[in-house]
PDB file of all heavy atoms in Angstrom:
ATOM      1  N   PRO A   1      76.964 150.550-117.286  1.00  0.00           N
ATOM      2  CA  PRO A   1      75.638 151.143-117.126  1.00  0.00           C
ATOM      3  C   PRO A   1      75.388 152.286-118.115  1.00  0.00           C
ATOM      4  O   PRO A   1      74.237 152.576-118.442  1.00  0.00           O
ATOM      5  CB  PRO A   1      75.638 151.644-115.682  1.00  0.00           C
ATOM      6  CG  PRO A   1      77.072 151.856-115.348  1.00  0.00           C
ATOM      7  CD  PRO A   1      77.833 150.835-116.142  1.00  0.00           C
ATOM      8  N   ILE A   2      76.456 152.900-118.622  1.00  0.00           N
ATOM      9  CA  ILE A   2      76.292 154.009-119.571  1.00  0.00           C
ATOM     10  C   ILE A   2      75.700 153.495-120.883  1.00  0.00           C
ATOM     11  O   ILE A   2      74.788 154.100-121.449  1.00  0.00           O
ATOM     12  CB  ILE A   2      77.636 154.739-119.826  1.00  0.00           C
ATOM     13  CG1 ILE A   2      78.202 155.288-118.510  1.00  0.00           C
ATOM     14  CG2 ILE A   2      77.462 155.840-120.866  1.00  0.00           C
ATOM     15  CD1 ILE A   2      77.331 156.293-117.794  1.00  0.00           C
ATOM     16  N   ALA A   3      76.197 152.363-121.383  1.00  0.00           N
ATOM     17  CA  ALA A   3      75.640 151.786-122.612  1.00  0.00           C
ATOM     18  C   ALA A   3      74.170 151.414-122.410  1.00  0.00           C
ATOM     19  O   ALA A   3      73.333 151.633-123.300  1.00  0.00           O
ATOM     20  CB  ALA A   3      76.454 150.565-123.042  1.00  0.00           C
ATOM     21  N   ALA A   4      73.845 150.875-121.240  1.00  0.00           N
ATOM     22  CA  ALA A   4      72.449 150.525-120.940  1.00  0.00           C
ATOM     23  C   ALA A   4      71.582 151.785-120.956  1.00  0.00           C
ATOM     24  O   ALA A   4      70.477 151.784-121.507  1.00  0.00           O
ATOM     25  CB  ALA A   4      72.364 149.823-119.593  1.00  0.00           C
ATOM     26  N   MET A   5      72.087 152.865-120.366  1.00  0.00           N
ATOM     27  CA  MET A   5      71.338 154.115-120.337  1.00  0.00           C
ATOM     28  C   MET A   5      71.199 154.709-121.743  1.00  0.00           C
ATOM     29  O   MET A   5      70.126 155.189-122.123  1.00  0.00           O
ATOM     30  CB  MET A   5      72.011 155.113-119.388  1.00  0.00           C
ATOM     31  CG  MET A   5      71.270 156.421-119.254  1.00  0.00           C
ATOM     32  SD  MET A   5      69.576 156.255-118.642  1.00  0.00           S
ATOM     33  CE  MET A   5      69.841 156.472-116.906  1.00  0.00           C
ATOM     34  N   GLU A   6      72.255 154.663-122.527  1.00  0.00           N
ATOM     35  CA  GLU A   6      72.187 155.176-123.903  1.00  0.00           C
ATOM     36  C   GLU A   6      71.128 154.429-124.711  1.00  0.00           C
ATOM     37  O   GLU A   6      70.344 155.049-125.435  1.00  0.00           O
ATOM     38  CB  GLU A   6      73.548 155.062-124.587  1.00  0.00           C
ATOM     39  CG  GLU A   6      74.540 156.095-124.129  1.00  0.00           C
ATOM     40  CD  GLU A   6      75.926 155.902-124.730  1.00  0.00           C
ATOM     41  OE1 GLU A   6      76.202 154.847-125.352  1.00  0.00           O
ATOM     42  OE2 GLU A   6      76.746 156.816-124.581  1.00  0.00           O
ATOM     43  N   ASN A   7      71.110 153.109-124.626  1.00  0.00           N
ATOM     44  CA  ASN A   7      70.110 152.329-125.349  1.00  0.00           C
ATOM     45  C   ASN A   7      68.697 152.680-124.891  1.00  0.00           C
ATOM     46  O   ASN A   7      67.765 152.737-125.689  1.00  0.00           O
ATOM     47  CB  ASN A   7      70.347 150.825-125.174  1.00  0.00           C
ATOM     48  CG  ASN A   7      71.455 150.323-126.060  1.00  0.00           C
ATOM     49  OD1 ASN A   7      71.698 150.837-127.143  1.00  0.00           O
ATOM     50  ND2 ASN A   7      72.150 149.308-125.595  1.00  0.00           N
ATOM     51  N   TRP A   8      68.549 152.920-123.629  1.00  0.00           N
ATOM     52  CA  TRP A   8      67.246 153.246-123.060  1.00  0.00           C
ATOM     53  C   TRP A   8      66.770 154.614-123.540  1.00  0.00           C
ATOM     54  O   TRP A   8      65.649 154.770-124.021  1.00  0.00           O
ATOM     55  CB  TRP A   8      67.360 153.206-121.553  1.00  0.00           C
ATOM     56  CG  TRP A   8      66.085 153.123-120.790  1.00  0.00           C
ATOM     57  CD1 TRP A   8      64.807 152.967-121.281  1.00  0.00           C
ATOM     58  CD2 TRP A   8      65.954 153.170-119.370  1.00  0.00           C
ATOM     59  NE1 TRP A   8      63.913 152.910-120.255  1.00  0.00           N
ATOM     60  CE2 TRP A   8      64.587 153.032-119.066  1.00  0.00           C
ATOM     61  CE3 TRP A   8      66.860 153.298-118.333  1.00  0.00           C
ATOM     62  CZ2 TRP A   8      64.104 153.031-117.766  1.00  0.00           C
ATOM     63  CZ3 TRP A   8      66.385 153.292-117.039  1.00  0.00           C
ATOM     64  CH2 TRP A   8      65.023 153.168-116.756  1.00  0.00           C
ATOM     65  N   VAL A   9      67.635 155.605-123.430  1.00  0.00           N
ATOM     66  CA  VAL A   9      67.257 156.972-123.774  1.00  0.00           C
ATOM     67  C   VAL A   9      67.197 157.176-125.290  1.00  0.00           C
ATOM     68  O   VAL A   9      66.240 157.747-125.805  1.00  0.00           O
ATOM     69  CB  VAL A   9      68.239 157.984-123.129  1.00  0.00           C
ATOM     70  CG1 VAL A   9      68.007 159.397-123.645  1.00  0.00           C
ATOM     71  CG2 VAL A   9      68.120 157.940-121.612  1.00  0.00           C
ATOM     72  N   GLU A  10      68.190 156.695-126.000  1.00  0.00           N
ATOM     73  CA  GLU A  10      68.283 156.973-127.434  1.00  0.00           C
ATOM     74  C   GLU A  10      67.487 156.011-128.308  1.00  0.00           C
ATOM     75  O   GLU A  10      67.029 156.388-129.382  1.00  0.00           O
ATOM     76  CB  GLU A  10      69.752 156.979-127.865  1.00  0.00           C
ATOM     77  CG  GLU A  10      70.536 158.099-127.194  1.00  0.00           C
ATOM     78  CD  GLU A  10      72.030 158.053-127.466  1.00  0.00           C
ATOM     79  OE1 GLU A  10      72.466 157.232-128.308  1.00  0.00           O
ATOM     80  OE2 GLU A  10      72.747 158.843-126.842  1.00  0.00           O
ATOM     81  N   LYS A  11      67.323 154.767-127.866  1.00  0.00           N
ATOM     82  CA  LYS A  11      66.627 153.768-128.683  1.00  0.00           C
ATOM     83  C   LYS A  11      65.325 153.278-128.058  1.00  0.00           C
ATOM     84  O   LYS A  11      64.607 152.487-128.664  1.00  0.00           O
ATOM     85  CB  LYS A  11      67.547 152.570-128.938  1.00  0.00           C
ATOM     86  CG  LYS A  11      68.812 152.933-129.685  1.00  0.00           C
ATOM     87  CD  LYS A  11      69.729 151.738-129.817  1.00  0.00           C
ATOM     88  CE  LYS A  11      71.040 152.158-130.479  1.00  0.00           C
ATOM     89  NZ  LYS A  11      72.027 151.087-130.441  1.00  0.00           N
ATOM     90  N   GLY A  12      65.044 153.712-126.837  1.00  0.00           N
ATOM     91  CA  GLY A  12      63.821 153.297-126.165  1.00  0.00           C
ATOM     92  C   GLY A  12      63.844 151.867-125.657  1.00  0.00           C
ATOM     93  O   GLY A  12      62.800 151.286-125.371  1.00  0.00           O
ATOM     94  N   ILE A  13      65.037 151.271-125.527  1.00  0.00           N
ATOM     95  CA  ILE A  13      65.163 149.884-125.066  1.00  0.00           C
ATOM     96  C   ILE A  13      65.581 149.888-123.600  1.00  0.00           C
ATOM     97  O   ILE A  13      66.748 150.108-123.271  1.00  0.00           O
ATOM     98  CB  ILE A  13      66.200 149.115-125.927  1.00  0.00           C
ATOM     99  CG1 ILE A  13      65.814 149.155-127.395  1.00  0.00           C
ATOM    100  CG2 ILE A  13      66.330 147.685-125.422  1.00  0.00           C
ATOM    101  CD1 ILE A  13      66.903 148.658-128.337  1.00  0.00           C
ATOM    102  N   ALA A  14      64.608 149.645-122.726  1.00  0.00           N
ATOM    103  CA  ALA A  14      64.890 149.614-121.286  1.00  0.00           C
ATOM    104  C   ALA A  14      65.742 148.387-120.966  1.00  0.00           C
ATOM    105  O   ALA A  14      65.501 147.309-121.514  1.00  0.00           O
ATOM    106  CB  ALA A  14      63.595 149.575-120.490  1.00  0.00           C
ATOM    107  N   PRO A  15      66.738 148.537-120.106  1.00  0.00           N
ATOM    108  CA  PRO A  15      67.591 147.391-119.783  1.00  0.00           C
ATOM    109  C   PRO A  15      66.839 146.297-119.034  1.00  0.00           C
ATOM    110  O   PRO A  15      66.230 146.554-117.999  1.00  0.00           O
ATOM    111  CB  PRO A  15      68.701 147.998-118.925  1.00  0.00           C
ATOM    112  CG  PRO A  15      68.136 149.264-118.389  1.00  0.00           C
ATOM    113  CD  PRO A  15      67.114 149.742-119.369  1.00  0.00           C
ATOM    114  N   GLN A  16      66.840 145.096-119.596  1.00  0.00           N
ATOM    115  CA  GLN A  16      66.243 143.936-118.944  1.00  0.00           C
ATOM    116  C   GLN A  16      67.292 143.193-118.127  1.00  0.00           C
ATOM    117  O   GLN A  16      66.971 142.544-117.147  1.00  0.00           O
ATOM    118  CB  GLN A  16      65.612 143.006-119.981  1.00  0.00           C
ATOM    119  CG  GLN A  16      64.535 143.682-120.803  1.00  0.00           C
ATOM    120  CD  GLN A  16      63.443 144.301-119.943  1.00  0.00           C
ATOM    121  OE1 GLN A  16      62.934 143.656-119.029  1.00  0.00           O
ATOM    122  NE2 GLN A  16      63.111 145.555-120.208  1.00  0.00           N
ATOM    123  N   THR A  17      68.528 143.267-118.580  1.00  0.00           N
ATOM    124  CA  THR A  17      69.694 142.756-117.847  1.00  0.00           C
ATOM    125  C   THR A  17      70.880 143.614-118.258  1.00  0.00           C
ATOM    126  O   THR A  17      70.849 144.289-119.290  1.00  0.00           O
ATOM    127  CB  THR A  17      70.031 141.273-118.167  1.00  0.00           C
ATOM    128  OG1 THR A  17      70.354 141.167-119.551  1.00  0.00           O
ATOM    129  CG2 THR A  17      68.882 140.348-117.816  1.00  0.00           C
ATOM    130  N   ILE A  18      71.917 143.568-117.461  1.00  0.00           N
ATOM    131  CA  ILE A  18      73.202 144.167-117.823  1.00  0.00           C
ATOM    132  C   ILE A  18      74.244 143.085-117.587  1.00  0.00           C
ATOM    133  O   ILE A  18      74.324 142.518-116.491  1.00  0.00           O
ATOM    134  CB  ILE A  18      73.526 145.417-116.964  1.00  0.00           C
ATOM    135  CG1 ILE A  18      72.476 146.517-117.183  1.00  0.00           C
ATOM    136  CG2 ILE A  18      74.924 145.935-117.293  1.00  0.00           C
ATOM    137  CD1 ILE A  18      72.660 147.739-116.287  1.00  0.00           C
ATOM    138  N   ARG A  19      75.020 142.796-118.607  1.00  0.00           N
ATOM    139  CA  ARG A  19      76.055 141.770-118.465  1.00  0.00           C
ATOM    140  C   ARG A  19      77.203 142.340-117.641  1.00  0.00           C
ATOM    141  O   ARG A  19      77.692 143.431-117.899  1.00  0.00           O
ATOM    142  CB  ARG A  19      76.571 141.324-119.832  1.00  0.00           C
ATOM    143  CG  ARG A  19      77.515 140.156-119.743  1.00  0.00           C
ATOM    144  CD  ARG A  19      77.963 139.716-121.153  1.00  0.00           C
ATOM    145  NE  ARG A  19      78.734 138.506-121.107  1.00  0.00           N
ATOM    146  CZ  ARG A  19      80.009 138.425-120.726  1.00  0.00           C
ATOM    147  NH1 ARG A  19      80.647 139.506-120.346  1.00  0.00           N
ATOM    148  NH2 ARG A  19      80.643 137.277-120.721  1.00  0.00           N
ATOM    149  N   ALA A  20      77.613 141.585-116.631  1.00  0.00           N
ATOM    150  CA  ALA A  20      78.705 142.001-115.751  1.00  0.00           C
ATOM    151  C   ALA A  20      79.707 140.864-115.662  1.00  0.00           C
ATOM    152  O   ALA A  20      79.361 139.697-115.850  1.00  0.00           O
ATOM    153  CB  ALA A  20      78.168 142.344-114.368  1.00  0.00           C
ATOM    154  N   GLU A  21      80.934 141.222-115.369  1.00  0.00           N
ATOM    155  CA  GLU A  21      81.948 140.178-115.230  1.00  0.00           C
ATOM    156  C   GLU A  21      82.955 140.533-114.155  1.00  0.00           C
ATOM    157  O   GLU A  21      83.049 141.669-113.723  1.00  0.00           O
ATOM    158  CB  GLU A  21      82.640 139.904-116.562  1.00  0.00           C
ATOM    159  CG  GLU A  21      83.314 141.091-117.195  1.00  0.00           C
ATOM    160  CD  GLU A  21      83.807 140.792-118.610  1.00  0.00           C
ATOM    161  OE1 GLU A  21      84.087 139.627-118.941  1.00  0.00           O
ATOM    162  OE2 GLU A  21      83.914 141.738-119.386  1.00  0.00           O
ATOM    163  N   ASN A  22      83.657 139.510-113.748  1.00  0.00           N
ATOM    164  CA  ASN A  22      84.797 139.674-112.859  1.00  0.00           C
ATOM    165  C   ASN A  22      85.961 139.046-113.603  1.00  0.00           C
ATOM    166  O   ASN A  22      86.102 137.821-113.630  1.00  0.00           O
ATOM    167  CB  ASN A  22      84.558 138.987-111.504  1.00  0.00           C
ATOM    168  CG  ASN A  22      85.665 139.263-110.519  1.00  0.00           C
ATOM    169  OD1 ASN A  22      86.844 139.219-110.869  1.00  0.00           O
ATOM    170  ND2 ASN A  22      85.297 139.528-109.276  1.00  0.00           N
ATOM    171  N   LYS A  23      86.738 139.893-114.259  1.00  0.00           N
ATOM    172  CA  LYS A  23      87.833 139.396-115.097  1.00  0.00           C
ATOM    173  C   LYS A  23      88.904 138.696-114.278  1.00  0.00           C
ATOM    174  O   LYS A  23      89.488 137.718-114.733  1.00  0.00           O
ATOM    175  CB  LYS A  23      88.429 140.550-115.907  1.00  0.00           C
ATOM    176  CG  LYS A  23      87.460 141.067-116.940  1.00  0.00           C
ATOM    177  CD  LYS A  23      88.022 142.240-117.709  1.00  0.00           C
ATOM    178  CE  LYS A  23      86.971 142.748-118.681  1.00  0.00           C
ATOM    179  NZ  LYS A  23      87.411 143.937-119.378  1.00  0.00           N
ATOM    180  N   GLU A  24      89.155 139.174-113.072  1.00  0.00           N
ATOM    181  CA  GLU A  24      90.183 138.554-112.225  1.00  0.00           C
ATOM    182  C   GLU A  24      89.809 137.126-111.836  1.00  0.00           C
ATOM    183  O   GLU A  24      90.657 136.247-111.782  1.00  0.00           O
ATOM    184  CB  GLU A  24      90.411 139.384-110.965  1.00  0.00           C
ATOM    185  CG  GLU A  24      91.061 140.724-111.239  1.00  0.00           C
ATOM    186  CD  GLU A  24      91.146 141.588-109.996  1.00  0.00           C
ATOM    187  OE1 GLU A  24      90.857 141.102-108.881  1.00  0.00           O
ATOM    188  OE2 GLU A  24      91.511 142.767-110.146  1.00  0.00           O
ATOM    189  N   LEU A  25      88.532 136.896-111.561  1.00  0.00           N
ATOM    190  CA  LEU A  25      88.079 135.565-111.155  1.00  0.00           C
ATOM    191  C   LEU A  25      87.518 134.751-112.323  1.00  0.00           C
ATOM    192  O   LEU A  25      87.177 133.586-112.157  1.00  0.00           O
ATOM    193  CB  LEU A  25      87.042 135.680-110.033  1.00  0.00           C
ATOM    194  CG  LEU A  25      87.562 136.325-108.741  1.00  0.00           C
ATOM    195  CD1 LEU A  25      86.439 136.450-107.712  1.00  0.00           C
ATOM    196  CD2 LEU A  25      88.737 135.545-108.156  1.00  0.00           C
ATOM    197  N   GLY A  26      87.387 135.382-113.488  1.00  0.00           N
ATOM    198  CA  GLY A  26      87.013 134.668-114.706  1.00  0.00           C
ATOM    199  C   GLY A  26      85.572 134.204-114.792  1.00  0.00           C
ATOM    200  O   GLY A  26      85.310 133.067-115.187  1.00  0.00           O
ATOM    201  N   PHE A  27      84.620 135.065-114.452  1.00  0.00           N
ATOM    202  CA  PHE A  27      83.219 134.688-114.630  1.00  0.00           C
ATOM    203  C   PHE A  27      82.380 135.907-115.005  1.00  0.00           C
ATOM    204  O   PHE A  27      82.804 137.044-114.842  1.00  0.00           O
ATOM    205  CB  PHE A  27      82.656 134.013-113.370  1.00  0.00           C
ATOM    206  CG  PHE A  27      82.461 134.926-112.196  1.00  0.00           C
ATOM    207  CD1 PHE A  27      81.271 135.611-112.023  1.00  0.00           C
ATOM    208  CD2 PHE A  27      83.460 135.089-111.252  1.00  0.00           C
ATOM    209  CE1 PHE A  27      81.084 136.452-110.936  1.00  0.00           C
ATOM    210  CE2 PHE A  27      83.286 135.915-110.160  1.00  0.00           C
ATOM    211  CZ  PHE A  27      82.091 136.603-110.001  1.00  0.00           C
ATOM    212  N   SER A  28      81.193 135.632-115.522  1.00  0.00           N
ATOM    213  CA  SER A  28      80.237 136.686-115.852  1.00  0.00           C
ATOM    214  C   SER A  28      78.867 136.317-115.300  1.00  0.00           C
ATOM    215  O   SER A  28      78.591 135.140-115.031  1.00  0.00           O
ATOM    216  CB  SER A  28      80.168 136.899-117.368  1.00  0.00           C
ATOM    217  OG  SER A  28      79.719 135.728-118.017  1.00  0.00           O
ATOM    218  N   ARG A  29      78.053 137.328-115.118  1.00  0.00           N
ATOM    219  CA  ARG A  29      76.700 137.151-114.608  1.00  0.00           C
ATOM    220  C   ARG A  29      75.810 138.215-115.237  1.00  0.00           C
ATOM    221  O   ARG A  29      76.266 139.324-115.507  1.00  0.00           O
ATOM    222  CB  ARG A  29      76.616 137.349-113.090  1.00  0.00           C
ATOM    223  CG  ARG A  29      77.307 136.343-112.247  1.00  0.00           C
ATOM    224  CD  ARG A  29      76.554 135.012-112.209  1.00  0.00           C
ATOM    225  NE  ARG A  29      77.187 134.078-111.302  1.00  0.00           N
ATOM    226  CZ  ARG A  29      78.209 133.292-111.619  1.00  0.00           C
ATOM    227  NH1 ARG A  29      78.726 133.335-112.828  1.00  0.00           N
ATOM    228  NH2 ARG A  29      78.715 132.458-110.746  1.00  0.00           N
ATOM    229  N   PRO A  30      74.524 137.908-115.375  1.00  0.00           N
ATOM    230  CA  PRO A  30      73.606 138.988-115.733  1.00  0.00           C
ATOM    231  C   PRO A  30      73.208 139.739-114.465  1.00  0.00           C
ATOM    232  O   PRO A  30      72.977 139.123-113.424  1.00  0.00           O
ATOM    233  CB  PRO A  30      72.401 138.240-116.313  1.00  0.00           C
ATOM    234  CG  PRO A  30      72.408 136.920-115.615  1.00  0.00           C
ATOM    235  CD  PRO A  30      73.864 136.605-115.345  1.00  0.00           C
ATOM    236  N   LEU A  31      73.178 141.043-114.531  1.00  0.00           N
ATOM    237  CA  LEU A  31      72.587 141.833-113.467  1.00  0.00           C
ATOM    238  C   LEU A  31      71.121 141.975-113.841  1.00  0.00           C
ATOM    239  O   LEU A  31      70.792 142.291-114.982  1.00  0.00           O
ATOM    240  CB  LEU A  31      73.250 143.202-113.351  1.00  0.00           C
ATOM    241  CG  LEU A  31      74.752 143.203-113.068  1.00  0.00           C
ATOM    242  CD1 LEU A  31      75.261 144.636-112.982  1.00  0.00           C
ATOM    243  CD2 LEU A  31      75.071 142.421-111.807  1.00  0.00           C
ATOM    244  N   CYS A  32      70.241 141.720-112.908  1.00  0.00           N
ATOM    245  CA  CYS A  32      68.805 141.712-113.160  1.00  0.00           C
ATOM    246  C   CYS A  32      68.153 142.916-112.492  1.00  0.00           C
ATOM    247  O   CYS A  32      68.582 143.338-111.424  1.00  0.00           O
ATOM    248  CB  CYS A  32      68.184 140.434-112.604  1.00  0.00           C
ATOM    249  SG  CYS A  32      68.951 138.918-113.231  1.00  0.00           S
ATOM    250  N   PRO A  33      67.091 143.449-113.098  1.00  0.00           N
ATOM    251  CA  PRO A  33      66.392 144.557-112.444  1.00  0.00           C
ATOM    252  C   PRO A  33      65.785 144.096-111.124  1.00  0.00           C
ATOM    253  O   PRO A  33      65.158 143.039-111.062  1.00  0.00           O
ATOM    254  CB  PRO A  33      65.301 144.953-113.424  1.00  0.00           C
ATOM    255  CG  PRO A  33      65.561 144.222-114.677  1.00  0.00           C
ATOM    256  CD  PRO A  33      66.484 143.092-114.371  1.00  0.00           C
ATOM    257  N   TYR A  34      66.005 144.883-110.079  1.00  0.00           N
ATOM    258  CA  TYR A  34      65.449 144.584-108.772  1.00  0.00           C
ATOM    259  C   TYR A  34      63.928 144.531-108.878  1.00  0.00           C
ATOM    260  O   TYR A  34      63.336 145.362-109.578  1.00  0.00           O
ATOM    261  CB  TYR A  34      65.880 145.672-107.774  1.00  0.00           C
ATOM    262  CG  TYR A  34      65.380 145.433-106.383  1.00  0.00           C
ATOM    263  CD1 TYR A  34      66.056 144.589-105.534  1.00  0.00           C
ATOM    264  CD2 TYR A  34      64.209 146.036-105.935  1.00  0.00           C
ATOM    265  CE1 TYR A  34      65.598 144.353-104.248  1.00  0.00           C
ATOM    266  CE2 TYR A  34      63.743 145.805-104.657  1.00  0.00           C
ATOM    267  CZ  TYR A  34      64.438 144.964-103.827  1.00  0.00           C
ATOM    268  OH  TYR A  34      63.984 144.723-102.561  1.00  0.00           O
ATOM    269  N   PRO A  35      63.267 143.557-108.271  1.00  0.00           N
ATOM    270  CA  PRO A  35      63.730 142.599-107.285  1.00  0.00           C
ATOM    271  C   PRO A  35      64.169 141.257-107.872  1.00  0.00           C
ATOM    272  O   PRO A  35      64.249 140.270-107.142  1.00  0.00           O
ATOM    273  CB  PRO A  35      62.501 142.433-106.383  1.00  0.00           C
ATOM    274  CG  PRO A  35      61.355 142.548-107.331  1.00  0.00           C
ATOM    275  CD  PRO A  35      61.799 143.574-108.345  1.00  0.00           C
ATOM    276  N   MET A  36      64.450 141.212-109.153  1.00  0.00           N
ATOM    277  CA  MET A  36      64.914 139.972-109.770  1.00  0.00           C
ATOM    278  C   MET A  36      66.378 139.732-109.404  1.00  0.00           C
ATOM    279  O   MET A  36      67.121 140.669-109.117  1.00  0.00           O
ATOM    280  CB  MET A  36      64.778 140.050-111.285  1.00  0.00           C
ATOM    281  CG  MET A  36      63.386 140.431-111.767  1.00  0.00           C
ATOM    282  SD  MET A  36      62.218 139.109-111.601  1.00  0.00           S
ATOM    283  CE  MET A  36      62.475 138.269-113.118  1.00  0.00           C
ATOM    284  N   VAL A  37      66.775 138.451-109.428  1.00  0.00           N
ATOM    285  CA  VAL A  37      68.158 138.054-109.180  1.00  0.00           C
ATOM    286  C   VAL A  37      68.556 136.996-110.206  1.00  0.00           C
ATOM    287  O   VAL A  37      67.700 136.307-110.761  1.00  0.00           O
ATOM    288  CB  VAL A  37      68.368 137.500-107.748  1.00  0.00           C
ATOM    289  CG1 VAL A  37      68.134 138.581-106.706  1.00  0.00           C
ATOM    290  CG2 VAL A  37      67.490 136.298-107.486  1.00  0.00           C
ATOM    291  N   ALA A  38      69.844 136.880-110.462  1.00  0.00           N
ATOM    292  CA  ALA A  38      70.345 135.871-111.393  1.00  0.00           C
ATOM    293  C   ALA A  38      70.376 134.512-110.712  1.00  0.00           C
ATOM    294  O   ALA A  38      70.847 134.379-109.581  1.00  0.00           O
ATOM    295  CB  ALA A  38      71.739 136.256-111.873  1.00  0.00           C
ATOM    296  N   LYS A  39      69.872 133.513-111.413  1.00  0.00           N
ATOM    297  CA  LYS A  39      69.882 132.152-110.889  1.00  0.00           C
ATOM    298  C   LYS A  39      70.431 131.223-111.972  1.00  0.00           C
ATOM    299  O   LYS A  39      70.008 131.281-113.132  1.00  0.00           O
ATOM    300  CB  LYS A  39      68.466 131.716-110.502  1.00  0.00           C
ATOM    301  CG  LYS A  39      68.415 130.313-109.925  1.00  0.00           C
ATOM    302  CD  LYS A  39      67.006 129.934-109.529  1.00  0.00           C
ATOM    303  CE  LYS A  39      66.999 128.519-108.964  1.00  0.00           C
ATOM    304  NZ  LYS A  39      65.638 128.057-108.690  1.00  0.00           N
ATOM    305  N   TYR A  40      71.355 130.365-111.565  1.00  0.00           N
ATOM    306  CA  TYR A  40      71.959 129.402-112.476  1.00  0.00           C
ATOM    307  C   TYR A  40      70.881 128.444-112.971  1.00  0.00           C
ATOM    308  O   TYR A  40      70.082 127.920-112.193  1.00  0.00           O
ATOM    309  CB  TYR A  40      73.082 128.655-111.758  1.00  0.00           C
ATOM    310  CG  TYR A  40      73.775 127.598-112.569  1.00  0.00           C
ATOM    311  CD1 TYR A  40      74.353 127.895-113.796  1.00  0.00           C
ATOM    312  CD2 TYR A  40      73.863 126.295-112.097  1.00  0.00           C
ATOM    313  CE1 TYR A  40      75.002 126.920-114.536  1.00  0.00           C
ATOM    314  CE2 TYR A  40      74.510 125.309-112.825  1.00  0.00           C
ATOM    315  CZ  TYR A  40      75.076 125.631-114.053  1.00  0.00           C
ATOM    316  OH  TYR A  40      75.709 124.654-114.783  1.00  0.00           O
ATOM    317  N   THR A  41      70.871 128.183-114.282  1.00  0.00           N
ATOM    318  CA  THR A  41      69.859 127.297-114.871  1.00  0.00           C
ATOM    319  C   THR A  41      70.129 125.830-114.590  1.00  0.00           C
ATOM    320  O   THR A  41      69.263 124.994-114.782  1.00  0.00           O
ATOM    321  CB  THR A  41      69.796 127.479-116.396  1.00  0.00           C
ATOM    322  OG1 THR A  41      71.060 127.116-116.961  1.00  0.00           O
ATOM    323  CG2 THR A  41      69.418 128.908-116.779  1.00  0.00           C
TER     324      THR A  41
END
């Protein structure tokens, strides 16, 4: 979230998603701004 905040404050790019992962279980997902949710295509 710090990189997302830096881009927002320093470059004016509001986060549309934040990439998240679970390294132990081996997957990634986009975190979406509420009330949006990630849905598999």
